[in-house]
Amino acid sequence: MASVIGVRFKNAGKLYYFDPGVFWPTAGDAVIVETVRGIEYGEVVTGVKEVSDELITPPLKKVIRIATADDAQHDAENRAKEKDALALCQKKVQEHKLQMKLVGCEYTFDNSKILFYFTSDKRVDFRALVKDLAAAFHTRIELRQIGVRDEAKMMGGLGMCGRPVCCAQFLGDFQPVSIKMAKEQNLSLNPTKISGICGRLMCCLKYEEDHYEATRKRMPRIGRDVMTPDGAGTVVDLNILKETVRVRIPKGDSTEQKDYPLEDVQRMQPARPAKKQKAEEADEEPEEMNGLDTQSVEEYAGEEGLTPDEALAEIEEFAEEDLTEEEMAVSDDEAEEATTEKQ
């Protein structure tokens, strides 16, 4: 166990731990610390607390000092200079005709380095660009390529819900998101409806996934026979959030559908041979097409005017593209430096 404070260097950025040393800053205070990028100005998010050694990335560096008013002013001046630096870099990019999109710019607190963030579909030879920037700013230059999720995090924007995107508001790290989560939550598999402004699957698909998985395990499957207070019936629908089960109950020559709380529904388990029961359960499983049920694929095909095979191919291509992006994207806080530096 070690006593640490949590420091964040930008809005919704990753939380880093530092040794408070003789200082005991509280949440909201500004501090000057040493990082792998140099001397930095950061905000204390969590006060002094003890954490296990497994959560600490060695070496644990100490806080240099509590930030003063002059430090705050210097940091504000750096933020103001970043706009001019970004404009100049954009001009140089156009002069060199490089296929890259500038996203942001950062000065280190001690002005020993300027970092430029960009996105590109391919590798970019920016050595000539670095030479021009170093001659213009007379300091070390670092260019770092980031993924589309990191771009959305830095740029910000509004999501489909009408609120600012989560990654720019409070998400420190990106969690893996898969199309299986959308399927588990009975959402449309149309990529345009489950994608964020970055073009990848929305991060909010992860929020309720644990609840859906845990609740679905406690609920009977669709098509199973159950016993309700009104008699035996067949499950036709599930409401995971309300934890209710819709059951079709025979009423003479017709049937009636009614919703019941999960605790009022009991599974019917008639005695039958184990092999036969296993075979029947396998037959009752919904038909799947490469991990996607036929009904979901047909719904997407109907929405987009595609054949089932075309819809399945498009969904699989989208899922594969998202997985590839998730594996290749590197966070701007943890990426290896794809950098050429010049003093």
Protein backbone atom coordinates (compact mmCIF):
# COMPACT_ATOMS: atom_id res chain seq x y z
CA MET A 1 0.00 0.00 0.00
CA ALA A 2 1.17 3.52 -0.80
CA SER A 3 -0.21 7.00 -0.15
CA VAL A 4 -0.93 8.74 -3.47
CA ILE A 5 -2.96 11.51 -5.05
CA GLY A 6 -4.80 11.27 -8.38
CA VAL A 7 -3.89 13.94 -10.94
CA ARG A 8 -5.53 14.65 -14.29
CA PHE A 9 -3.92 16.84 -16.96
CA LYS A 10 -6.92 17.53 -19.16
CA ASN A 11 -10.68 17.26 -19.07
CA ALA A 12 -11.80 13.61 -18.97
CA GLY A 13 -8.19 12.50 -19.28
CA LYS A 14 -6.65 9.46 -17.66
CA LEU A 15 -5.99 9.56 -13.93
CA TYR A 16 -2.33 9.33 -12.86
CA TYR A 17 -0.98 8.63 -9.38
CA PHE A 18 1.80 10.66 -7.73
CA ASP A 19 3.49 10.61 -4.35
CA PRO A 20 2.29 13.71 -2.42
CA GLY A 21 5.58 13.83 -0.46
CA VAL A 22 5.47 16.60 2.15
CA PHE A 23 2.48 18.19 0.40
CA TRP A 24 -1.10 17.18 1.13
CA PRO A 25 -3.16 18.72 -1.68
CA THR A 26 -6.92 18.25 -1.77
CA ALA A 27 -9.24 17.65 -4.71
CA GLY A 28 -9.44 20.75 -6.88
CA ASP A 29 -5.92 21.98 -6.16
CA ALA A 30 -3.41 22.47 -8.98
CA VAL A 31 0.04 20.90 -8.70
CA ILE A 32 3.31 20.82 -10.64
CA VAL A 33 4.58 17.30 -11.28
CA GLU A 34 7.22 15.57 -13.39
CA THR A 35 6.01 13.14 -16.08
CA VAL A 36 7.61 11.25 -18.96
CA ARG A 37 6.80 14.28 -21.13
CA GLY A 38 8.47 16.72 -18.76
CA ILE A 39 7.20 19.16 -16.14
CA GLU A 40 3.39 19.34 -16.26
CA TYR A 41 0.60 21.38 -14.67
CA GLY A 42 -2.29 19.20 -13.47
CA GLU A 43 -5.40 19.21 -11.33
CA VAL A 44 -5.80 17.01 -8.27
CA VAL A 45 -8.90 14.84 -8.69
CA THR A 46 -8.57 12.60 -5.63
CA GLY A 47 -6.95 13.64 -2.39
CA VAL A 48 -4.38 11.61 -0.48
CA LYS A 49 -5.43 7.98 -0.20
CA GLU A 50 -3.87 4.54 -0.01
CA VAL A 51 -3.92 2.22 -3.01
CA SER A 52 -2.45 -1.24 -3.61
CA ASP A 53 0.90 -1.56 -5.30
CA GLU A 54 -0.71 -3.37 -8.27
CA LEU A 55 -2.48 -0.14 -9.29
CA ILE A 56 0.73 1.90 -9.34
CA THR A 57 3.00 2.12 -12.38
CA PRO A 58 6.57 2.42 -11.08
CA PRO A 59 8.44 4.59 -10.55
CA LEU A 60 6.03 6.65 -8.44
CA LYS A 61 7.14 10.26 -8.83
CA LYS A 62 6.70 12.96 -6.22
CA VAL A 63 4.79 16.22 -6.47
CA ILE A 64 7.25 19.07 -7.10
CA ARG A 65 5.08 21.79 -5.56
CA ILE A 66 1.61 23.17 -5.17
CA ALA A 67 0.87 25.41 -8.16
CA THR A 68 0.97 29.16 -7.54
CA ALA A 69 -0.90 31.99 -9.23
CA ASP A 70 2.08 32.54 -11.53
CA ASP A 71 1.98 28.86 -12.53
CA ALA A 72 -1.71 29.14 -13.36
CA GLN A 73 -1.07 32.23 -15.48
CA HIS A 74 1.79 30.52 -17.31
CA ASP A 75 -0.43 27.52 -18.05
CA ALA A 76 -3.14 29.83 -19.41
CA GLU A 77 -0.59 31.53 -21.66
CA ASN A 78 0.46 28.14 -23.02
CA ARG A 79 -3.17 27.26 -23.78
CA ALA A 80 -3.53 30.55 -25.68
CA LYS A 81 -0.37 29.89 -27.73
CA GLU A 82 -1.62 26.46 -28.76
CA LYS A 83 -4.18 27.95 -31.18
CA ASP A 84 -1.50 29.89 -33.06
CA ALA A 85 0.81 26.87 -33.10
CA LEU A 86 -1.95 24.66 -34.49
CA ALA A 87 -2.74 27.18 -37.25
CA LEU A 88 0.93 27.38 -38.26
CA CYS A 89 1.28 23.60 -38.28
CA GLN A 90 -1.83 23.29 -40.45
CA LYS A 91 -0.28 25.71 -42.94
CA LYS A 92 2.93 23.68 -43.04
CA VAL A 93 0.96 20.46 -43.57
CA GLN A 94 -0.72 21.98 -46.61
CA GLU A 95 2.62 23.18 -47.97
CA HIS A 96 4.09 19.68 -47.71
CA LYS A 97 0.84 18.14 -49.07
CA LEU A 98 0.68 15.51 -46.34
CA GLN A 99 -2.37 13.25 -46.00
CA MET A 100 -2.99 13.93 -42.32
CA LYS A 101 -5.67 15.68 -40.27
CA LEU A 102 -4.48 17.79 -37.35
CA VAL A 103 -6.62 17.34 -34.25
CA GLY A 104 -4.94 19.22 -31.42
CA CYS A 105 -1.80 20.80 -30.01
CA GLU A 106 -0.26 20.87 -26.52
CA TYR A 107 2.62 22.76 -24.92
CA THR A 108 4.40 21.16 -21.99
CA PHE A 109 4.39 23.38 -18.92
CA ASP A 110 8.12 24.19 -19.16
CA ASN A 111 7.82 24.85 -22.94
CA SER A 112 10.45 22.19 -23.64
CA LYS A 113 8.24 20.41 -26.16
CA ILE A 114 5.20 20.93 -28.39
CA LEU A 115 2.98 17.97 -29.20
CA PHE A 116 0.76 17.82 -32.27
CA TYR A 117 -1.95 15.15 -32.56
CA PHE A 118 -3.21 13.96 -35.94
CA THR A 119 -5.21 11.22 -37.62
CA SER A 120 -4.41 9.51 -40.89
CA ASP A 121 -5.50 6.40 -42.77
CA LYS A 122 -1.91 5.44 -43.46
CA ARG A 123 1.65 6.05 -42.32
CA VAL A 124 2.91 9.57 -42.89
CA ASP A 125 6.51 10.65 -43.52
CA PHE A 126 6.58 13.95 -41.60
CA ARG A 127 10.32 14.39 -41.19
CA ALA A 128 10.43 17.48 -43.41
CA LEU A 129 7.44 18.91 -41.53
CA VAL A 130 9.20 18.43 -38.18
CA LYS A 131 12.26 20.32 -39.45
CA ASP A 132 10.14 23.29 -40.50
CA LEU A 133 8.24 23.33 -37.19
CA ALA A 134 11.44 23.07 -35.15
CA ALA A 135 12.90 26.03 -37.07
CA ALA A 136 9.73 28.04 -36.44
CA PHE A 137 9.27 27.28 -32.73
CA HIS A 138 12.91 26.64 -31.69
CA THR A 139 11.95 23.73 -29.43
CA ARG A 140 11.43 19.99 -29.62
CA ILE A 141 8.51 18.86 -31.79
CA GLU A 142 6.50 15.68 -31.36
CA LEU A 143 3.83 14.44 -33.76
CA ARG A 144 1.59 11.67 -32.48
CA GLN A 145 -0.92 9.70 -34.52
CA ILE A 146 -4.16 8.86 -32.69
CA GLY A 147 -7.31 6.85 -33.46
CA VAL A 148 -10.80 8.07 -34.28
CA ARG A 149 -12.03 7.52 -30.70
CA ASP A 150 -9.25 9.71 -29.33
CA GLU A 151 -10.10 12.31 -31.96
CA ALA A 152 -13.71 12.44 -30.78
CA LYS A 153 -12.50 12.66 -27.18
CA MET A 154 -10.30 15.68 -27.96
CA MET A 155 -12.72 17.47 -30.28
CA GLY A 156 -15.94 16.80 -28.35
CA GLY A 157 -19.43 17.10 -29.82
CA LEU A 158 -23.00 15.95 -29.31
CA GLY A 159 -24.09 12.33 -29.38
CA MET A 160 -27.34 10.82 -30.65
CA CYS A 161 -28.89 11.44 -27.24
CA GLY A 162 -28.36 15.20 -27.63
CA ARG A 163 -25.83 15.38 -24.81
CA PRO A 164 -22.05 15.94 -25.05
CA VAL A 165 -20.23 12.72 -25.91
CA CYS A 166 -19.27 10.64 -22.87
CA CYS A 167 -15.60 10.30 -23.82
CA ALA A 168 -15.14 14.08 -23.70
CA GLN A 169 -17.12 14.47 -20.46
CA PHE A 170 -16.04 11.78 -18.00
CA LEU A 171 -14.60 8.61 -19.59
CA GLY A 172 -10.96 8.25 -18.66
CA ASP A 173 -10.30 5.04 -20.60
CA PHE A 174 -12.06 3.41 -23.53
CA GLN A 175 -13.71 0.07 -22.78
CA PRO A 176 -14.00 -2.66 -25.46
CA VAL A 177 -17.40 -2.53 -27.19
CA SER A 178 -18.73 -5.24 -29.50
CA ILE A 179 -21.78 -5.69 -31.70
CA LYS A 180 -22.75 -8.60 -29.43
CA MET A 181 -23.71 -6.02 -26.78
CA ALA A 182 -26.21 -4.39 -29.15
CA LYS A 183 -27.68 -7.80 -29.94
CA GLU A 184 -27.89 -8.68 -26.23
CA GLN A 185 -29.85 -5.47 -25.57
CA ASN A 186 -32.27 -6.07 -28.48
CA LEU A 187 -31.07 -2.97 -30.34
CA SER A 188 -31.15 -2.51 -34.08
CA LEU A 189 -28.05 -3.88 -35.75
CA ASN A 190 -28.07 -1.01 -38.22
CA PRO A 191 -24.53 0.44 -37.89
CA THR A 192 -25.81 4.00 -38.37
CA LYS A 193 -28.04 3.67 -35.28
CA ILE A 194 -25.48 2.22 -32.87
CA SER A 195 -22.43 4.25 -33.91
CA GLY A 196 -21.12 7.41 -32.27
CA ILE A 197 -19.75 10.51 -33.96
CA CYS A 198 -16.39 8.75 -34.24
CA GLY A 199 -17.93 6.10 -36.48
CA ARG A 200 -17.28 3.32 -33.96
CA LEU A 201 -19.79 1.54 -31.73
CA MET A 202 -21.17 3.81 -29.02
CA CYS A 203 -19.40 3.54 -25.66
CA CYS A 204 -22.75 3.61 -23.83
CA LEU A 205 -23.50 0.08 -25.09
CA LYS A 206 -21.16 -1.05 -22.31
CA TYR A 207 -23.00 0.70 -19.47
CA GLU A 208 -25.92 -1.71 -19.02
CA GLU A 209 -24.32 -4.82 -20.48
CA ASP A 210 -23.48 -6.39 -17.11
CA HIS A 211 -27.09 -5.91 -15.94
CA TYR A 212 -28.48 -7.43 -19.13
CA GLU A 213 -26.23 -10.47 -18.88
CA ALA A 214 -26.95 -11.08 -15.18
CA THR A 215 -30.70 -10.56 -15.52
CA ARG A 216 -31.07 -12.66 -18.66
CA LYS A 217 -29.50 -15.63 -16.85
CA ARG A 218 -32.27 -15.45 -14.24
CA MET A 219 -35.08 -15.23 -16.80
CA PRO A 220 -36.60 -18.07 -18.86
CA ARG A 221 -35.84 -18.19 -22.56
CA ILE A 222 -38.37 -17.19 -25.18
CA GLY A 223 -40.40 -20.22 -26.24
CA ARG A 224 -40.12 -22.04 -22.91
CA ASP A 225 -43.17 -23.25 -20.97
CA VAL A 226 -43.63 -21.58 -17.58
CA MET A 227 -46.14 -21.55 -14.75
CA THR A 228 -47.83 -18.24 -13.84
CA PRO A 229 -50.50 -17.29 -11.27
CA ASP A 230 -53.04 -17.64 -14.13
CA GLY A 231 -51.85 -21.04 -15.27
CA ALA A 232 -49.29 -22.54 -17.64
CA GLY A 233 -48.15 -20.63 -20.71
CA THR A 234 -45.33 -19.96 -23.14
CA VAL A 235 -42.80 -17.13 -22.90
CA VAL A 236 -43.10 -14.78 -25.91
CA ASP A 237 -41.08 -11.74 -24.81
CA LEU A 238 -38.72 -10.46 -22.09
CA ASN A 239 -38.28 -6.97 -20.66
CA ILE A 240 -34.80 -7.00 -19.13
CA LEU A 241 -34.94 -3.52 -17.57
CA LYS A 242 -38.36 -3.98 -15.93
CA GLU A 243 -37.60 -7.66 -15.23
CA THR A 244 -40.97 -8.76 -16.55
CA VAL A 245 -41.92 -11.76 -18.70
CA ARG A 246 -44.68 -11.72 -21.32
CA VAL A 247 -46.48 -15.07 -21.39
CA ARG A 248 -49.05 -16.43 -23.86
CA ILE A 249 -51.72 -18.34 -21.95
CA PRO A 250 -54.40 -20.54 -23.64
CA LYS A 251 -57.98 -19.31 -23.04
CA GLY A 252 -60.35 -21.78 -24.56
CA ASP A 253 -60.03 -21.59 -28.33
CA SER A 254 -57.88 -18.43 -28.17
CA THR A 255 -54.84 -17.19 -26.28
CA GLU A 256 -54.07 -14.20 -24.07
CA GLN A 257 -50.74 -12.43 -23.56
CA LYS A 258 -49.96 -10.93 -20.19
CA ASP A 259 -46.87 -9.46 -18.45
CA TYR A 260 -45.75 -10.95 -15.14
CA PRO A 261 -42.97 -9.95 -12.72
CA LEU A 262 -40.05 -12.36 -12.87
CA GLU A 263 -40.66 -13.62 -9.34
CA ASP A 264 -44.22 -14.71 -10.31
CA VAL A 265 -43.00 -16.93 -13.16
CA GLN A 266 -41.69 -20.43 -12.50
CA ARG A 267 -39.95 -22.64 -15.01
CA MET A 268 -41.65 -25.94 -15.82
CA GLN A 269 -39.18 -28.82 -15.77
CA PRO A 270 -40.98 -32.04 -16.66
CA ALA A 271 -39.00 -35.20 -16.15
CA ARG A 272 -37.60 -36.45 -19.44
CA PRO A 273 -34.53 -38.38 -20.56
CA ALA A 274 -31.38 -36.30 -20.36
CA LYS A 275 -30.37 -36.96 -23.97
CA LYS A 276 -33.81 -36.12 -25.31
CA GLN A 277 -34.02 -32.97 -23.19
CA LYS A 278 -30.61 -31.82 -24.43
CA ALA A 279 -31.64 -32.43 -28.04
CA GLU A 280 -34.89 -30.48 -27.61
CA GLU A 281 -33.08 -27.56 -26.00
CA ALA A 282 -30.70 -27.48 -28.93
CA ASP A 283 -33.66 -27.46 -31.35
CA GLU A 284 -35.27 -24.55 -29.50
CA GLU A 285 -32.20 -22.34 -29.80
CA PRO A 286 -32.83 -19.56 -32.33
CA GLU A 287 -31.27 -20.11 -35.69
CA GLU A 288 -28.05 -18.14 -35.97
CA MET A 289 -26.09 -16.85 -38.91
CA ASN A 290 -22.42 -16.59 -37.88
CA GLY A 291 -23.37 -15.56 -34.33
CA LEU A 292 -26.27 -13.27 -35.33
CA ASP A 293 -29.87 -14.52 -35.08
CA THR A 294 -31.87 -14.66 -38.30
CA GLN A 295 -34.58 -12.31 -37.02
CA SER A 296 -32.10 -9.48 -36.31
CA VAL A 297 -30.48 -9.87 -39.73
CA GLU A 298 -33.86 -9.87 -41.47
CA GLU A 299 -34.92 -6.71 -39.61
CA TYR A 300 -31.78 -4.90 -40.73
CA ALA A 301 -32.24 -6.19 -44.27
CA GLY A 302 -35.78 -4.82 -44.32
CA GLU A 303 -34.67 -1.41 -43.03
CA GLU A 304 -31.94 -1.05 -45.64
CA GLY A 305 -33.63 -2.83 -48.56
CA LEU A 306 -31.00 -5.59 -48.72
CA THR A 307 -31.12 -9.35 -49.08
CA PRO A 308 -30.42 -11.35 -45.90
CA ASP A 309 -27.00 -12.39 -47.26
CA GLU A 310 -26.08 -8.78 -48.09
CA ALA A 311 -27.28 -7.57 -44.67
CA LEU A 312 -25.28 -10.29 -42.88
CA ALA A 313 -22.14 -9.43 -44.85
CA GLU A 314 -22.52 -5.72 -44.05
CA ILE A 315 -23.04 -6.35 -40.33
CA GLU A 316 -20.04 -8.70 -40.15
CA GLU A 317 -17.90 -6.19 -42.02
CA PHE A 318 -18.91 -3.47 -39.57
CA ALA A 319 -18.18 -5.69 -36.56
CA GLU A 320 -14.79 -6.74 -37.97
CA GLU A 321 -13.90 -3.13 -38.73
CA ASP A 322 -14.77 -2.08 -35.18
CA LEU A 323 -12.71 -4.91 -33.67
CA THR A 324 -9.75 -4.01 -35.84
CA GLU A 325 -10.05 -0.36 -34.82
CA GLU A 326 -10.27 -1.37 -31.15
CA GLU A 327 -7.09 -3.40 -31.44
CA MET A 328 -5.17 -0.80 -33.43
CA ALA A 329 -6.33 2.40 -31.72
CA VAL A 330 -3.87 3.68 -29.18
CA SER A 331 -4.74 6.10 -26.44
CA ASP A 332 -3.02 9.44 -26.60
CA ASP A 333 -1.94 8.94 -22.98
CA GLU A 334 -0.38 5.47 -23.41
CA ALA A 335 0.75 5.25 -27.04
CA GLU A 336 4.33 4.75 -27.97
CA GLU A 337 5.83 7.92 -29.28
CA ALA A 338 5.64 7.87 -33.08
CA THR A 339 7.86 10.86 -33.04
CA THR A 340 10.79 12.59 -34.57
CA GLU A 341 12.32 15.13 -32.25
CA LYS A 342 14.64 17.99 -33.08
CA GLN A 343 16.19 20.59 -30.76
